[in-house]
Amino acid sequence: MVTNRTFTMIKPDATAKNHIGGILKMINDANFRIIAMKYTRLSKEQAGAFYAVHKERPFYGELVEYMSSGPIIAAILEKNNAVADFRTLIGATDPSKAAEGTIRKIYAESISANAVHGSDSDENAQIEGDFFFSLLERP
């Protein structure tokens, strides 16, 4: 089943470097509609809960530290084929391998500081959106 919503976060490295406006412009220019958005900061506990799927991975502790190191922008986006189209827009996790013109090619610093998160499936988009937004905060 293909849904029309996905979830994204602008990560601490990109917010610290004031790339929020540029990234949001790329999202808008790609015809995504932002239906919910908030500027927030994750505690270590919240970051750990969000990335719990990676708890057994060697990078988990570093990921939790990084994601709780500064403010983020969380957003739910809407567009036909949202998950796949957004994954294309953000580019490869490793910015050196990301296609020209993608968000990560333009704004990411490294594999770990890669500017944005994008849901990898319709199911995860729903779970991730639900993590950040109540039903009252979105249409």
Protein backbone atom coordinates (compact mmCIF):
# COMPACT_ATOMS: atom_id res chain seq x y z
CA MET A 1 0.00 0.00 0.00
CA VAL A 2 1.40 3.39 -0.99
CA THR A 3 0.39 6.26 1.26
CA ASN A 4 0.67 9.95 0.68
CA ARG A 5 2.49 10.91 3.87
CA THR A 6 6.03 10.66 5.13
CA PHE A 7 7.95 11.92 8.12
CA THR A 8 11.14 13.95 8.22
CA MET A 9 13.44 15.59 10.72
CA ILE A 10 15.92 18.33 10.03
CA LYS A 11 18.75 17.16 12.27
CA PRO A 12 20.89 19.12 14.78
CA ASP A 13 23.79 19.68 12.37
CA ALA A 14 21.53 21.35 9.80
CA THR A 15 19.64 23.45 12.34
CA ALA A 16 22.92 24.61 13.92
CA LYS A 17 24.17 25.77 10.51
CA ASN A 18 20.89 27.60 9.82
CA HIS A 19 19.95 25.37 6.86
CA ILE A 20 16.30 25.11 7.92
CA GLY A 21 15.03 27.60 5.34
CA GLY A 22 17.00 26.10 2.47
CA ILE A 23 15.86 22.56 3.27
CA LEU A 24 12.22 23.60 3.68
CA LYS A 25 12.42 25.43 0.34
CA MET A 26 13.67 22.26 -1.36
CA ILE A 27 10.81 20.32 0.23
CA ASN A 28 8.27 22.88 -0.97
CA ASP A 29 9.83 23.11 -4.43
CA ALA A 30 9.47 19.31 -4.74
CA ASN A 31 5.70 19.77 -4.25
CA PHE A 32 5.50 18.33 -0.75
CA ARG A 33 2.88 19.90 1.48
CA ILE A 34 3.91 20.35 5.11
CA ILE A 35 0.90 19.27 7.15
CA ALA A 36 2.51 19.32 10.61
CA MET A 37 5.78 20.82 11.80
CA LYS A 38 7.50 21.67 15.07
CA TYR A 39 10.83 23.00 16.29
CA THR A 40 11.89 20.99 19.33
CA ARG A 41 14.81 19.36 21.09
CA LEU A 42 14.91 15.68 21.93
CA SER A 43 16.06 14.52 25.35
CA LYS A 44 18.40 11.53 25.38
CA GLU A 45 15.45 9.39 26.49
CA GLN A 46 13.27 10.61 23.60
CA ALA A 47 16.06 10.13 21.06
CA GLY A 48 16.68 6.64 22.47
CA ALA A 49 13.00 5.77 22.17
CA PHE A 50 12.75 7.13 18.62
CA TYR A 51 15.79 5.12 17.48
CA ALA A 52 15.03 2.04 19.62
CA VAL A 53 15.03 -0.10 16.46
CA HIS A 54 18.82 0.48 16.35
CA LYS A 55 19.44 -0.24 20.04
CA GLU A 56 21.64 -3.30 19.36
CA ARG A 57 23.70 -1.54 16.68
CA PRO A 58 27.18 -0.25 17.55
CA PHE A 59 26.31 3.33 16.53
CA TYR A 60 23.19 3.60 18.75
CA GLY A 61 24.82 5.51 21.64
CA GLU A 62 26.49 7.98 19.31
CA LEU A 63 23.21 8.44 17.40
CA VAL A 64 21.29 9.19 20.61
CA GLU A 65 23.95 11.68 21.73
CA TYR A 66 23.93 13.41 18.34
CA MET A 67 20.14 13.59 18.01
CA SER A 68 19.83 15.10 21.49
CA SER A 69 22.68 17.57 20.96
CA GLY A 70 20.57 20.39 19.55
CA PRO A 71 17.20 21.44 18.16
CA ILE A 72 15.49 19.60 15.33
CA ILE A 73 12.54 20.28 13.05
CA ALA A 74 10.03 17.42 12.89
CA ALA A 75 7.50 17.42 10.06
CA ILE A 76 4.88 15.31 8.36
CA LEU A 77 4.85 15.78 4.61
CA GLU A 78 2.15 14.97 2.11
CA LYS A 79 2.42 14.16 -1.59
CA ASN A 80 1.55 11.23 -3.84
CA ASN A 81 4.19 8.51 -3.35
CA ALA A 82 5.57 10.55 -0.46
CA VAL A 83 8.01 8.05 1.07
CA ALA A 84 9.79 7.11 -2.15
CA ASP A 85 9.79 10.64 -3.55
CA PHE A 86 11.21 12.06 -0.33
CA ARG A 87 13.93 9.41 -0.17
CA THR A 88 14.92 10.47 -3.68
CA LEU A 89 14.91 14.16 -2.66
CA ILE A 90 17.14 13.62 0.38
CA GLY A 91 19.69 11.38 -1.37
CA ALA A 92 22.01 8.69 -0.06
CA THR A 93 22.93 8.56 3.65
CA ASP A 94 26.57 9.17 2.70
CA PRO A 95 26.58 12.69 1.22
CA SER A 96 29.64 11.85 -0.90
CA LYS A 97 27.48 9.25 -2.67
CA ALA A 98 24.31 11.36 -2.82
CA ALA A 99 23.08 12.54 -6.20
CA GLU A 100 23.71 16.14 -7.19
CA GLY A 101 20.91 18.46 -6.15
CA THR A 102 19.72 16.31 -3.24
CA ILE A 103 19.32 17.69 0.28
CA ARG A 104 22.17 15.58 1.65
CA LYS A 105 24.53 16.43 -1.21
CA ILE A 106 23.95 20.12 -0.52
CA TYR A 107 23.60 20.24 3.28
CA ALA A 108 25.02 17.10 4.92
CA GLU A 109 28.41 17.06 6.63
CA SER A 110 28.99 13.31 6.88
CA ILE A 111 27.28 9.92 7.08
CA SER A 112 26.35 10.55 10.72
CA ALA A 113 25.64 14.30 10.41
CA ASN A 114 23.53 13.90 7.29
CA ALA A 115 21.15 16.88 7.69
CA VAL A 116 17.80 15.09 7.46
CA HIS A 117 15.92 11.95 8.36
CA GLY A 118 13.36 10.47 6.00
CA SER A 119 11.07 7.53 6.72
CA ASP A 120 12.04 4.35 4.87
CA SER A 121 8.54 2.87 4.59
CA ASP A 122 4.89 3.83 4.83
CA GLU A 123 4.64 1.92 8.11
CA ASN A 124 7.60 3.75 9.65
CA ALA A 125 6.28 7.09 8.38
CA GLN A 126 3.11 6.47 10.39
CA ILE A 127 5.00 5.34 13.50
CA GLU A 128 7.46 8.23 13.34
CA GLY A 129 4.76 10.84 12.72
CA ASP A 130 2.78 9.45 15.66
CA PHE A 131 5.90 9.73 17.86
CA PHE A 132 6.06 13.51 17.37
CA PHE A 133 2.51 14.65 16.66
CA SER A 134 -0.79 14.12 18.42
CA LEU A 135 -3.97 13.85 16.38
CA LEU A 136 -4.77 17.43 17.39
CA GLU A 137 -1.55 18.69 15.79
CA ARG A 138 -2.27 17.45 12.28
CA PRO A 139 -5.14 17.21 9.84
